[in-house]
Protein backbone atom coordinates (compact mmCIF):
# COMPACT_ATOMS: atom_id res chain seq x y z
CA MET A 1 29.03 13.43 -8.63
CA THR A 2 27.01 15.27 -6.00
CA THR A 3 24.03 15.41 -8.34
CA ASN A 4 24.14 11.65 -8.85
CA LYS A 5 24.07 11.04 -5.10
CA THR A 6 21.11 13.36 -4.68
CA THR A 7 19.28 11.73 -7.57
CA ASN A 8 19.96 8.25 -6.20
CA SER A 9 18.65 9.15 -2.76
CA ASN A 10 15.55 10.70 -4.33
CA ASN A 11 15.03 7.56 -6.40
CA THR A 12 15.25 5.41 -3.27
CA ILE A 13 12.64 7.52 -1.51
CA SER A 14 10.48 7.54 -4.63
CA GLN A 15 10.66 3.74 -4.91
CA GLY A 16 9.58 3.41 -1.28
CA GLU A 17 6.64 5.73 -1.91
CA ASP A 18 5.71 3.72 -5.02
CA GLN A 19 5.63 0.54 -2.95
CA ASN A 20 3.43 2.26 -0.35
CA LYS A 21 1.11 3.49 -3.11
CA GLU A 22 0.88 -0.02 -4.58
CA ALA A 23 0.03 -1.47 -1.18
CA LEU A 24 -2.58 1.25 -0.64
CA ASN A 25 -4.06 0.67 -4.10
CA LYS A 26 -4.36 -3.07 -3.41
CA LYS A 27 -5.94 -2.42 -0.02
CA THR A 28 -8.37 0.08 -1.52
CA SER A 29 -9.24 -2.33 -4.31
CA VAL A 30 -9.97 -5.16 -1.89
CA GLN A 31 -12.01 -2.83 0.28
CA PHE A 32 -14.06 -1.68 -2.72
CA VAL A 33 -14.75 -5.21 -3.94
CA THR A 34 -15.72 -6.32 -0.44
CA SER A 35 -18.11 -3.42 0.12
CA ALA A 36 -19.65 -3.83 -3.35
CA THR A 37 -20.19 -7.55 -2.72
CA ILE A 38 -21.80 -6.90 0.65
CA GLY A 39 -24.06 -4.27 -0.94
CA ILE A 40 -25.17 -6.63 -3.70
CA VAL A 41 -25.87 -9.41 -1.19
CA VAL A 42 -27.96 -7.03 0.93
CA ILE A 43 -29.97 -5.92 -2.11
CA ILE A 44 -30.59 -9.53 -3.14
CA LEU A 45 -31.67 -10.46 0.40
CA LEU A 46 -34.04 -7.49 0.56
CA ALA A 47 -35.53 -8.37 -2.82
CA ALA A 48 -35.94 -12.04 -1.90
CA SER A 49 -37.52 -11.25 1.46
CA ALA A 50 -39.90 -8.76 -0.18
CA TYR A 51 -40.78 -11.37 -2.82
CA PHE A 52 -41.58 -14.00 -0.20
CA GLY A 53 -43.51 -11.51 1.92
CA ILE A 54 -41.17 -11.47 4.88
CA ILE A 55 -40.97 -7.70 4.73
CA LYS A 56 -43.37 -5.31 3.03
CA PHE A 57 -42.47 -2.06 1.34
């Protein structure tokens, strides 16, 4: 019986950690998509401004 109690408490802690990991994974995923989108937009703006002669490389 003591082993079951220990296992149950470990499972509860493990489930809480899993939820934290899921939240962190979602946050990291959103952060990655946002930074990739901003990077692509910057590259497109630089290419368009170079094409129209606004900036010269």
